[in-house]
mmCIF file of all heavy atoms, coordinates in Angstrom:
data_MODEL
# 
_entry.id   MODEL 
# 
loop_
_atom_site.group_PDB 
_atom_site.id 
_atom_site.type_symbol 
_atom_site.label_atom_id 
_atom_site.label_alt_id 
_atom_site.label_comp_id 
_atom_site.label_asym_id 
_atom_site.label_entity_id 
_atom_site.label_seq_id 
_atom_site.pdbx_PDB_ins_code 
_atom_site.Cartn_x 
_atom_site.Cartn_y 
_atom_site.Cartn_z 
_atom_site.occupancy 
_atom_site.B_iso_or_equiv 
_atom_site.pdbx_formal_charge 
_atom_site.auth_seq_id 
_atom_site.auth_comp_id 
_atom_site.auth_asym_id 
_atom_site.auth_atom_id 
_atom_site.pdbx_PDB_model_num 
ATOM 1   N N   . GLY A 1 1  ? -5.261  -0.661 -1.051 1.00 0.00 ? 1  GLY A N   1 
ATOM 2   C CA  . GLY A 1 1  ? -5.177  -2.093 -0.775 1.00 0.00 ? 1  GLY A CA  1 
ATOM 3   C C   . GLY A 1 1  ? -5.022  -2.910 -2.037 1.00 0.00 ? 1  GLY A C   1 
ATOM 4   O O   . GLY A 1 1  ? -4.227  -3.860 -2.094 1.00 0.00 ? 1  GLY A O   1 
ATOM 5   N N   . TRP A 1 2  ? -5.766  -2.532 -3.064 1.00 0.00 ? 2  TRP A N   1 
ATOM 6   C CA  . TRP A 1 2  ? -5.694  -3.231 -4.356 1.00 0.00 ? 2  TRP A CA  1 
ATOM 7   C C   . TRP A 1 2  ? -4.299  -3.078 -4.970 1.00 0.00 ? 2  TRP A C   1 
ATOM 8   O O   . TRP A 1 2  ? -3.708  -4.051 -5.432 1.00 0.00 ? 2  TRP A O   1 
ATOM 9   C CB  . TRP A 1 2  ? -6.754  -2.659 -5.294 1.00 0.00 ? 2  TRP A CB  1 
ATOM 10  C CG  . TRP A 1 2  ? -6.731  -3.269 -6.658 1.00 0.00 ? 2  TRP A CG  1 
ATOM 11  C CD1 . TRP A 1 2  ? -6.039  -2.833 -7.749 1.00 0.00 ? 2  TRP A CD1 1 
ATOM 12  C CD2 . TRP A 1 2  ? -7.444  -4.434 -7.092 1.00 0.00 ? 2  TRP A CD2 1 
ATOM 13  N NE1 . TRP A 1 2  ? -6.269  -3.650 -8.825 1.00 0.00 ? 2  TRP A NE1 1 
ATOM 14  C CE2 . TRP A 1 2  ? -7.129  -4.642 -8.450 1.00 0.00 ? 2  TRP A CE2 1 
ATOM 15  C CE3 . TRP A 1 2  ? -8.311  -5.315 -6.455 1.00 0.00 ? 2  TRP A CE3 1 
ATOM 16  C CZ2 . TRP A 1 2  ? -7.652  -5.705 -9.190 1.00 0.00 ? 2  TRP A CZ2 1 
ATOM 17  C CZ3 . TRP A 1 2  ? -8.830  -6.366 -7.201 1.00 0.00 ? 2  TRP A CZ3 1 
ATOM 18  C CH2 . TRP A 1 2  ? -8.499  -6.558 -8.548 1.00 0.00 ? 2  TRP A CH2 1 
ATOM 19  N N   . VAL A 1 3  ? -3.769  -1.864 -4.958 1.00 0.00 ? 3  VAL A N   1 
ATOM 20  C CA  . VAL A 1 3  ? -2.428  -1.619 -5.520 1.00 0.00 ? 3  VAL A CA  1 
ATOM 21  C C   . VAL A 1 3  ? -1.373  -2.376 -4.707 1.00 0.00 ? 3  VAL A C   1 
ATOM 22  O O   . VAL A 1 3  ? -0.477  -3.005 -5.274 1.00 0.00 ? 3  VAL A O   1 
ATOM 23  C CB  . VAL A 1 3  ? -2.099  -0.102 -5.564 1.00 0.00 ? 3  VAL A CB  1 
ATOM 24  C CG1 . VAL A 1 3  ? -0.648  0.124  -5.971 1.00 0.00 ? 3  VAL A CG1 1 
ATOM 25  C CG2 . VAL A 1 3  ? -3.028  0.611  -6.543 1.00 0.00 ? 3  VAL A CG2 1 
ATOM 26  N N   . ALA A 1 4  ? -1.493  -2.341 -3.380 1.00 0.00 ? 4  ALA A N   1 
ATOM 27  C CA  . ALA A 1 4  ? -0.530  -3.047 -2.518 1.00 0.00 ? 4  ALA A CA  1 
ATOM 28  C C   . ALA A 1 4  ? -0.546  -4.549 -2.796 1.00 0.00 ? 4  ALA A C   1 
ATOM 29  O O   . ALA A 1 4  ? 0.502   -5.200 -2.812 1.00 0.00 ? 4  ALA A O   1 
ATOM 30  C CB  . ALA A 1 4  ? -0.842  -2.781 -1.049 1.00 0.00 ? 4  ALA A CB  1 
ATOM 31  N N   . MET A 1 5  ? -1.727  -5.101 -3.047 1.00 0.00 ? 5  MET A N   1 
ATOM 32  C CA  . MET A 1 5  ? -1.833  -6.533 -3.339 1.00 0.00 ? 5  MET A CA  1 
ATOM 33  C C   . MET A 1 5  ? -1.161  -6.883 -4.664 1.00 0.00 ? 5  MET A C   1 
ATOM 34  O O   . MET A 1 5  ? -0.520  -7.915 -4.795 1.00 0.00 ? 5  MET A O   1 
ATOM 35  C CB  . MET A 1 5  ? -3.317  -6.947 -3.416 1.00 0.00 ? 5  MET A CB  1 
ATOM 36  C CG  . MET A 1 5  ? -3.521  -8.401 -3.808 1.00 0.00 ? 5  MET A CG  1 
ATOM 37  S SD  . MET A 1 5  ? -5.200  -8.774 -4.406 1.00 0.00 ? 5  MET A SD  1 
ATOM 38  C CE  . MET A 1 5  ? -5.182  -8.031 -6.053 1.00 0.00 ? 5  MET A CE  1 
ATOM 39  N N   . SER A 1 6  ? -1.298  -5.990 -5.636 1.00 0.00 ? 6  SER A N   1 
ATOM 40  C CA  . SER A 1 6  ? -0.908  -6.359 -7.000 1.00 0.00 ? 6  SER A CA  1 
ATOM 41  C C   . SER A 1 6  ? 0.448   -5.812 -7.439 1.00 0.00 ? 6  SER A C   1 
ATOM 42  O O   . SER A 1 6  ? 0.805   -5.907 -8.608 1.00 0.00 ? 6  SER A O   1 
ATOM 43  C CB  . SER A 1 6  ? -2.014  -5.947 -7.979 1.00 0.00 ? 6  SER A CB  1 
ATOM 44  O OG  . SER A 1 6  ? -2.557  -4.702 -7.634 1.00 0.00 ? 6  SER A OG  1 
ATOM 45  N N   . THR A 1 7  ? 1.211   -5.228 -6.512 1.00 0.00 ? 7  THR A N   1 
ATOM 46  C CA  . THR A 1 7  ? 2.519   -4.692 -6.875 1.00 0.00 ? 7  THR A CA  1 
ATOM 47  C C   . THR A 1 7  ? 3.573   -5.209 -5.892 1.00 0.00 ? 7  THR A C   1 
ATOM 48  O O   . THR A 1 7  ? 3.277   -6.024 -5.026 1.00 0.00 ? 7  THR A O   1 
ATOM 49  C CB  . THR A 1 7  ? 2.514   -3.148 -6.835 1.00 0.00 ? 7  THR A CB  1 
ATOM 50  O OG1 . THR A 1 7  ? 2.071   -2.724 -5.542 1.00 0.00 ? 7  THR A OG1 1 
ATOM 51  C CG2 . THR A 1 7  ? 1.603   -2.560 -7.897 1.00 0.00 ? 7  THR A CG2 1 
ATOM 52  N N   . SER A 1 8  ? 4.786   -4.697 -6.045 1.00 0.00 ? 8  SER A N   1 
ATOM 53  C CA  . SER A 1 8  ? 5.864   -5.073 -5.116 1.00 0.00 ? 8  SER A CA  1 
ATOM 54  C C   . SER A 1 8  ? 6.832   -3.900 -5.006 1.00 0.00 ? 8  SER A C   1 
ATOM 55  O O   . SER A 1 8  ? 6.670   -2.886 -5.689 1.00 0.00 ? 8  SER A O   1 
ATOM 56  C CB  . SER A 1 8  ? 6.596   -6.319 -5.629 1.00 0.00 ? 8  SER A CB  1 
ATOM 57  O OG  . SER A 1 8  ? 7.095   -6.079 -6.932 1.00 0.00 ? 8  SER A OG  1 
ATOM 58  N N   . GLY A 1 9  ? 7.818   -4.050 -4.122 1.00 0.00 ? 9  GLY A N   1 
ATOM 59  C CA  . GLY A 1 9  ? 8.857   -3.026 -3.999 1.00 0.00 ? 9  GLY A CA  1 
ATOM 60  C C   . GLY A 1 9  ? 8.324   -1.696 -3.510 1.00 0.00 ? 9  GLY A C   1 
ATOM 61  O O   . GLY A 1 9  ? 7.418   -1.637 -2.676 1.00 0.00 ? 9  GLY A O   1 
ATOM 62  N N   . ASP A 1 10 ? 8.870   -0.608 -4.068 1.00 0.00 ? 10 ASP A N   1 
ATOM 63  C CA  . ASP A 1 10 ? 8.518   0.747  -3.621 1.00 0.00 ? 10 ASP A CA  1 
ATOM 64  C C   . ASP A 1 10 ? 7.037   1.051  -3.818 1.00 0.00 ? 10 ASP A C   1 
ATOM 65  O O   . ASP A 1 10 ? 6.416   1.718  -2.991 1.00 0.00 ? 10 ASP A O   1 
ATOM 66  C CB  . ASP A 1 10 ? 9.350   1.799  -4.382 1.00 0.00 ? 10 ASP A CB  1 
ATOM 67  C CG  . ASP A 1 10 ? 10.814  1.753  -3.977 1.00 0.00 ? 10 ASP A CG  1 
ATOM 68  O OD1 . ASP A 1 10 ? 11.109  1.095  -2.952 1.00 0.00 ? 10 ASP A OD1 1 
ATOM 69  O OD2 . ASP A 1 10 ? 11.659  2.336  -4.675 1.00 0.00 ? 10 ASP A OD2 1 
ATOM 70  N N   . GLU A 1 11 ? 6.493   0.560  -4.931 1.00 0.00 ? 11 GLU A N   1 
ATOM 71  C CA  . GLU A 1 11 ? 5.078   0.825  -5.245 1.00 0.00 ? 11 GLU A CA  1 
ATOM 72  C C   . GLU A 1 11 ? 4.177   0.206  -4.175 1.00 0.00 ? 11 GLU A C   1 
ATOM 73  O O   . GLU A 1 11 ? 3.230   0.826  -3.694 1.00 0.00 ? 11 GLU A O   1 
ATOM 74  C CB  . GLU A 1 11 ? 4.747   0.248  -6.625 1.00 0.00 ? 11 GLU A CB  1 
ATOM 75  C CG  . GLU A 1 11 ? 3.527   0.892  -7.266 1.00 0.00 ? 11 GLU A CG  1 
ATOM 76  C CD  . GLU A 1 11 ? 3.296   0.426  -8.696 1.00 0.00 ? 11 GLU A CD  1 
ATOM 77  O OE1 . GLU A 1 11 ? 4.162   -0.266 -9.266 1.00 0.00 ? 11 GLU A OE1 1 
ATOM 78  O OE2 . GLU A 1 11 ? 2.229   0.770  -9.223 1.00 0.00 ? 11 GLU A OE2 1 
ATOM 79  N N   . GLN A 1 12 ? 4.517   -1.022 -3.779 1.00 0.00 ? 12 GLN A N   1 
ATOM 80  C CA  . GLN A 1 12 ? 3.739   -1.693 -2.741 1.00 0.00 ? 12 GLN A CA  1 
ATOM 81  C C   . GLN A 1 12 ? 3.891   -0.974 -1.398 1.00 0.00 ? 12 GLN A C   1 
ATOM 82  O O   . GLN A 1 12 ? 2.911   -0.780 -0.681 1.00 0.00 ? 12 GLN A O   1 
ATOM 83  C CB  . GLN A 1 12 ? 4.171   -3.154 -2.590 1.00 0.00 ? 12 GLN A CB  1 
ATOM 84  C CG  . GLN A 1 12 ? 3.264   -3.927 -1.632 1.00 0.00 ? 12 GLN A CG  1 
ATOM 85  C CD  . GLN A 1 12 ? 3.700   -5.361 -1.410 1.00 0.00 ? 12 GLN A CD  1 
ATOM 86  O OE1 . GLN A 1 12 ? 4.846   -5.619 -1.045 1.00 0.00 ? 12 GLN A OE1 1 
ATOM 87  N NE2 . GLN A 1 12 ? 2.791   -6.295 -1.638 1.00 0.00 ? 12 GLN A NE2 1 
ATOM 88  N N   . GLU A 1 13 ? 5.122   -0.572 -1.079 1.00 0.00 ? 13 GLU A N   1 
ATOM 89  C CA  . GLU A 1 13 ? 5.376   0.131  0.194  1.00 0.00 ? 13 GLU A CA  1 
ATOM 90  C C   . GLU A 1 13 ? 4.548   1.410  0.294  1.00 0.00 ? 13 GLU A C   1 
ATOM 91  O O   . GLU A 1 13 ? 3.953   1.702  1.327  1.00 0.00 ? 13 GLU A O   1 
ATOM 92  C CB  . GLU A 1 13 ? 6.876   0.472  0.319  1.00 0.00 ? 13 GLU A CB  1 
ATOM 93  C CG  . GLU A 1 13 ? 7.746   -0.688 0.753  1.00 0.00 ? 13 GLU A CG  1 
ATOM 94  C CD  . GLU A 1 13 ? 7.361   -1.237 2.119  1.00 0.00 ? 13 GLU A CD  1 
ATOM 95  O OE1 . GLU A 1 13 ? 7.122   -0.431 3.045  1.00 0.00 ? 13 GLU A OE1 1 
ATOM 96  O OE2 . GLU A 1 13 ? 7.252   -2.475 2.253  1.00 0.00 ? 13 GLU A OE2 1 
ATOM 97  N N   . GLU A 1 14 ? 4.528   2.171  -0.795 1.00 0.00 ? 14 GLU A N   1 
ATOM 98  C CA  . GLU A 1 14 ? 3.794   3.432  -0.828 1.00 0.00 ? 14 GLU A CA  1 
ATOM 99  C C   . GLU A 1 14 ? 2.290   3.189  -0.643 1.00 0.00 ? 14 GLU A C   1 
ATOM 100 O O   . GLU A 1 14 ? 1.616   3.893  0.111  1.00 0.00 ? 14 GLU A O   1 
ATOM 101 C CB  . GLU A 1 14 ? 4.057   4.146  -2.164 1.00 0.00 ? 14 GLU A CB  1 
ATOM 102 C CG  . GLU A 1 14 ? 3.423   5.522  -2.295 1.00 0.00 ? 14 GLU A CG  1 
ATOM 103 C CD  . GLU A 1 14 ? 3.837   6.505  -1.197 1.00 0.00 ? 14 GLU A CD  1 
ATOM 104 O OE1 . GLU A 1 14 ? 5.007   6.485  -0.750 1.00 0.00 ? 14 GLU A OE1 1 
ATOM 105 O OE2 . GLU A 1 14 ? 2.967   7.293  -0.775 1.00 0.00 ? 14 GLU A OE2 1 
ATOM 106 N N   . ALA A 1 15 ? 1.786   2.175  -1.333 1.00 0.00 ? 15 ALA A N   1 
ATOM 107 C CA  . ALA A 1 15 ? 0.354   1.847  -1.235 1.00 0.00 ? 15 ALA A CA  1 
ATOM 108 C C   . ALA A 1 15 ? 0.006   1.368  0.174  1.00 0.00 ? 15 ALA A C   1 
ATOM 109 O O   . ALA A 1 15 ? -1.035  1.728  0.724  1.00 0.00 ? 15 ALA A O   1 
ATOM 110 C CB  . ALA A 1 15 ? -0.009  0.785  -2.267 1.00 0.00 ? 15 ALA A CB  1 
ATOM 111 N N   . MET A 1 16 ? 0.897   0.579  0.782  1.00 0.00 ? 16 MET A N   1 
ATOM 112 C CA  . MET A 1 16 ? 0.640   0.090  2.144  1.00 0.00 ? 16 MET A CA  1 
ATOM 113 C C   . MET A 1 16 ? 0.639   1.241  3.148  1.00 0.00 ? 16 MET A C   1 
ATOM 114 O O   . MET A 1 16 ? -0.144  1.249  4.084  1.00 0.00 ? 16 MET A O   1 
ATOM 115 C CB  . MET A 1 16 ? 1.691   -0.952 2.531  1.00 0.00 ? 16 MET A CB  1 
ATOM 116 C CG  . MET A 1 16 ? 1.395   -2.323 1.967  1.00 0.00 ? 16 MET A CG  1 
ATOM 117 S SD  . MET A 1 16 ? 2.686   -3.515 2.353  1.00 0.00 ? 16 MET A SD  1 
ATOM 118 C CE  . MET A 1 16 ? 2.554   -3.618 4.132  1.00 0.00 ? 16 MET A CE  1 
ATOM 119 N N   . LYS A 1 17 ? 1.513   2.211  2.920  1.00 0.00 ? 17 LYS A N   1 
ATOM 120 C CA  . LYS A 1 17 ? 1.561   3.387  3.789  1.00 0.00 ? 17 LYS A CA  1 
ATOM 121 C C   . LYS A 1 17 ? 0.218   4.127  3.741  1.00 0.00 ? 17 LYS A C   1 
ATOM 122 O O   . LYS A 1 17 ? -0.356  4.491  4.765  1.00 0.00 ? 17 LYS A O   1 
ATOM 123 C CB  . LYS A 1 17 ? 2.701   4.304  3.336  1.00 0.00 ? 17 LYS A CB  1 
ATOM 124 C CG  . LYS A 1 17 ? 2.913   5.549  4.193  1.00 0.00 ? 17 LYS A CG  1 
ATOM 125 C CD  . LYS A 1 17 ? 4.239   6.217  3.819  1.00 0.00 ? 17 LYS A CD  1 
ATOM 126 C CE  . LYS A 1 17 ? 4.369   7.582  4.456  1.00 0.00 ? 17 LYS A CE  1 
ATOM 127 N NZ  . LYS A 1 17 ? 3.680   8.646  3.715  1.00 0.00 ? 17 LYS A NZ  1 
ATOM 128 N N   . GLU A 1 18 ? -0.306  4.315  2.531  1.00 0.00 ? 18 GLU A N   1 
ATOM 129 C CA  . GLU A 1 18 ? -1.617  4.972  2.354  1.00 0.00 ? 18 GLU A CA  1 
ATOM 130 C C   . GLU A 1 18 ? -2.724  4.174  3.031  1.00 0.00 ? 18 GLU A C   1 
ATOM 131 O O   . GLU A 1 18 ? -3.600  4.729  3.698  1.00 0.00 ? 18 GLU A O   1 
ATOM 132 C CB  . GLU A 1 18 ? -1.940  5.101  0.860  1.00 0.00 ? 18 GLU A CB  1 
ATOM 133 C CG  . GLU A 1 18 ? -1.256  6.254  0.166  1.00 0.00 ? 18 GLU A CG  1 
ATOM 134 C CD  . GLU A 1 18 ? -1.618  6.293  -1.319 1.00 0.00 ? 18 GLU A CD  1 
ATOM 135 O OE1 . GLU A 1 18 ? -2.819  6.136  -1.645 1.00 0.00 ? 18 GLU A OE1 1 
ATOM 136 O OE2 . GLU A 1 18 ? -0.699  6.469  -2.138 1.00 0.00 ? 18 GLU A OE2 1 
ATOM 137 N N   . ALA A 1 19 ? -2.682  2.857  2.848  1.00 0.00 ? 19 ALA A N   1 
ATOM 138 C CA  . ALA A 1 19 ? -3.719  1.989  3.421  1.00 0.00 ? 19 ALA A CA  1 
ATOM 139 C C   . ALA A 1 19 ? -3.692  2.062  4.956  1.00 0.00 ? 19 ALA A C   1 
ATOM 140 O O   . ALA A 1 19 ? -4.738  2.154  5.602  1.00 0.00 ? 19 ALA A O   1 
ATOM 141 C CB  . ALA A 1 19 ? -3.514  0.546  2.954  1.00 0.00 ? 19 ALA A CB  1 
ATOM 142 N N   . LYS A 1 20 ? -2.501  2.038  5.527  1.00 0.00 ? 20 LYS A N   1 
ATOM 143 C CA  . LYS A 1 20 ? -2.383  2.069  6.992  1.00 0.00 ? 20 LYS A CA  1 
ATOM 144 C C   . LYS A 1 20 ? -2.817  3.416  7.564  1.00 0.00 ? 20 LYS A C   1 
ATOM 145 O O   . LYS A 1 20 ? -3.372  3.484  8.666  1.00 0.00 ? 20 LYS A O   1 
ATOM 146 C CB  . LYS A 1 20 ? -0.948  1.737  7.400  1.00 0.00 ? 20 LYS A CB  1 
ATOM 147 C CG  . LYS A 1 20 ? -0.620  0.253  7.245  1.00 0.00 ? 20 LYS A CG  1 
ATOM 148 C CD  . LYS A 1 20 ? 0.847   -0.034 7.511  1.00 0.00 ? 20 LYS A CD  1 
ATOM 149 C CE  . LYS A 1 20 ? 1.149   -1.510 7.327  1.00 0.00 ? 20 LYS A CE  1 
ATOM 150 N NZ  . LYS A 1 20 ? 2.575   -1.816 7.467  1.00 0.00 ? 20 LYS A NZ  1 
ATOM 151 N N   . GLU A 1 21 ? -2.563  4.496  6.817  1.00 0.00 ? 21 GLU A N   1 
ATOM 152 C CA  . GLU A 1 21 ? -3.023  5.825  7.266  1.00 0.00 ? 21 GLU A CA  1 
ATOM 153 C C   . GLU A 1 21 ? -4.544  5.845  7.364  1.00 0.00 ? 21 GLU A C   1 
ATOM 154 O O   . GLU A 1 21 ? -5.130  6.418  8.280  1.00 0.00 ? 21 GLU A O   1 
ATOM 155 C CB  . GLU A 1 21 ? -2.533  6.909  6.303  1.00 0.00 ? 21 GLU A CB  1 
ATOM 156 C CG  . GLU A 1 21 ? -1.064  7.273  6.514  1.00 0.00 ? 21 GLU A CG  1 
ATOM 157 C CD  . GLU A 1 21 ? -0.502  8.177  5.424  1.00 0.00 ? 21 GLU A CD  1 
ATOM 158 O OE1 . GLU A 1 21 ? -1.285  8.615  4.532  1.00 0.00 ? 21 GLU A OE1 1 
ATOM 159 O OE2 . GLU A 1 21 ? 0.711   8.436  5.446  1.00 0.00 ? 21 GLU A OE2 1 
ATOM 160 N N   . MET A 1 22 ? -5.193  5.206  6.387  1.00 0.00 ? 22 MET A N   1 
ATOM 161 C CA  . MET A 1 22 ? -6.659  5.127  6.416  1.00 0.00 ? 22 MET A CA  1 
ATOM 162 C C   . MET A 1 22 ? -7.116  4.238  7.568  1.00 0.00 ? 22 MET A C   1 
ATOM 163 O O   . MET A 1 22 ? -8.106  4.535  8.245  1.00 0.00 ? 22 MET A O   1 
ATOM 164 C CB  . MET A 1 22 ? -7.167  4.568  5.081  1.00 0.00 ? 22 MET A CB  1 
ATOM 165 C CG  . MET A 1 22 ? -8.662  4.686  4.885  1.00 0.00 ? 22 MET A CG  1 
ATOM 166 S SD  . MET A 1 22 ? -9.223  6.386  4.727  1.00 0.00 ? 22 MET A SD  1 
ATOM 167 C CE  . MET A 1 22 ? -10.394 6.505  6.048  1.00 0.00 ? 22 MET A CE  1 
ATOM 168 N N   . MET A 1 23 ? -6.383  3.160  7.816  1.00 0.00 ? 23 MET A N   1 
ATOM 169 C CA  . MET A 1 23 ? -6.727  2.259  8.918  1.00 0.00 ? 23 MET A CA  1 
ATOM 170 C C   . MET A 1 23 ? -6.667  2.980  10.264 1.00 0.00 ? 23 MET A C   1 
ATOM 171 O O   . MET A 1 23 ? -7.470  2.712  11.153 1.00 0.00 ? 23 MET A O   1 
ATOM 172 C CB  . MET A 1 23 ? -5.780  1.056  8.950  1.00 0.00 ? 23 MET A CB  1 
ATOM 173 C CG  . MET A 1 23 ? -6.002  0.016  7.851  1.00 0.00 ? 23 MET A CG  1 
ATOM 174 S SD  . MET A 1 23 ? -7.689  -0.611 7.722  1.00 0.00 ? 23 MET A SD  1 
ATOM 175 C CE  . MET A 1 23 ? -8.017  -1.093 9.406  1.00 0.00 ? 23 MET A CE  1 
ATOM 176 N N   . GLU A 1 24 ? -5.717  3.895  10.414 1.00 0.00 ? 24 GLU A N   1 
ATOM 177 C CA  . GLU A 1 24 ? -5.602  4.665  11.673 1.00 0.00 ? 24 GLU A CA  1 
ATOM 178 C C   . GLU A 1 24 ? -6.863  5.490  11.916 1.00 0.00 ? 24 GLU A C   1 
ATOM 179 O O   . GLU A 1 24 ? -7.348  5.594  13.049 1.00 0.00 ? 24 GLU A O   1 
ATOM 180 C CB  . GLU A 1 24 ? -4.369  5.578  11.621 1.00 0.00 ? 24 GLU A CB  1 
ATOM 181 C CG  . GLU A 1 24 ? -3.065  4.825  11.815 1.00 0.00 ? 24 GLU A CG  1 
ATOM 182 C CD  . GLU A 1 24 ? -1.839  5.648  11.458 1.00 0.00 ? 24 GLU A CD  1 
ATOM 183 O OE1 . GLU A 1 24 ? -1.983  6.873  11.245 1.00 0.00 ? 24 GLU A OE1 1 
ATOM 184 O OE2 . GLU A 1 24 ? -0.735  5.067  11.405 1.00 0.00 ? 24 GLU A OE2 1 
# 
């Protein structure tokens, strides 16, 4: 979540994917 907040582009997408997997 921290990385997704503080980045953009591919880096943000990858971090959001990880965050959503944990949310599931």
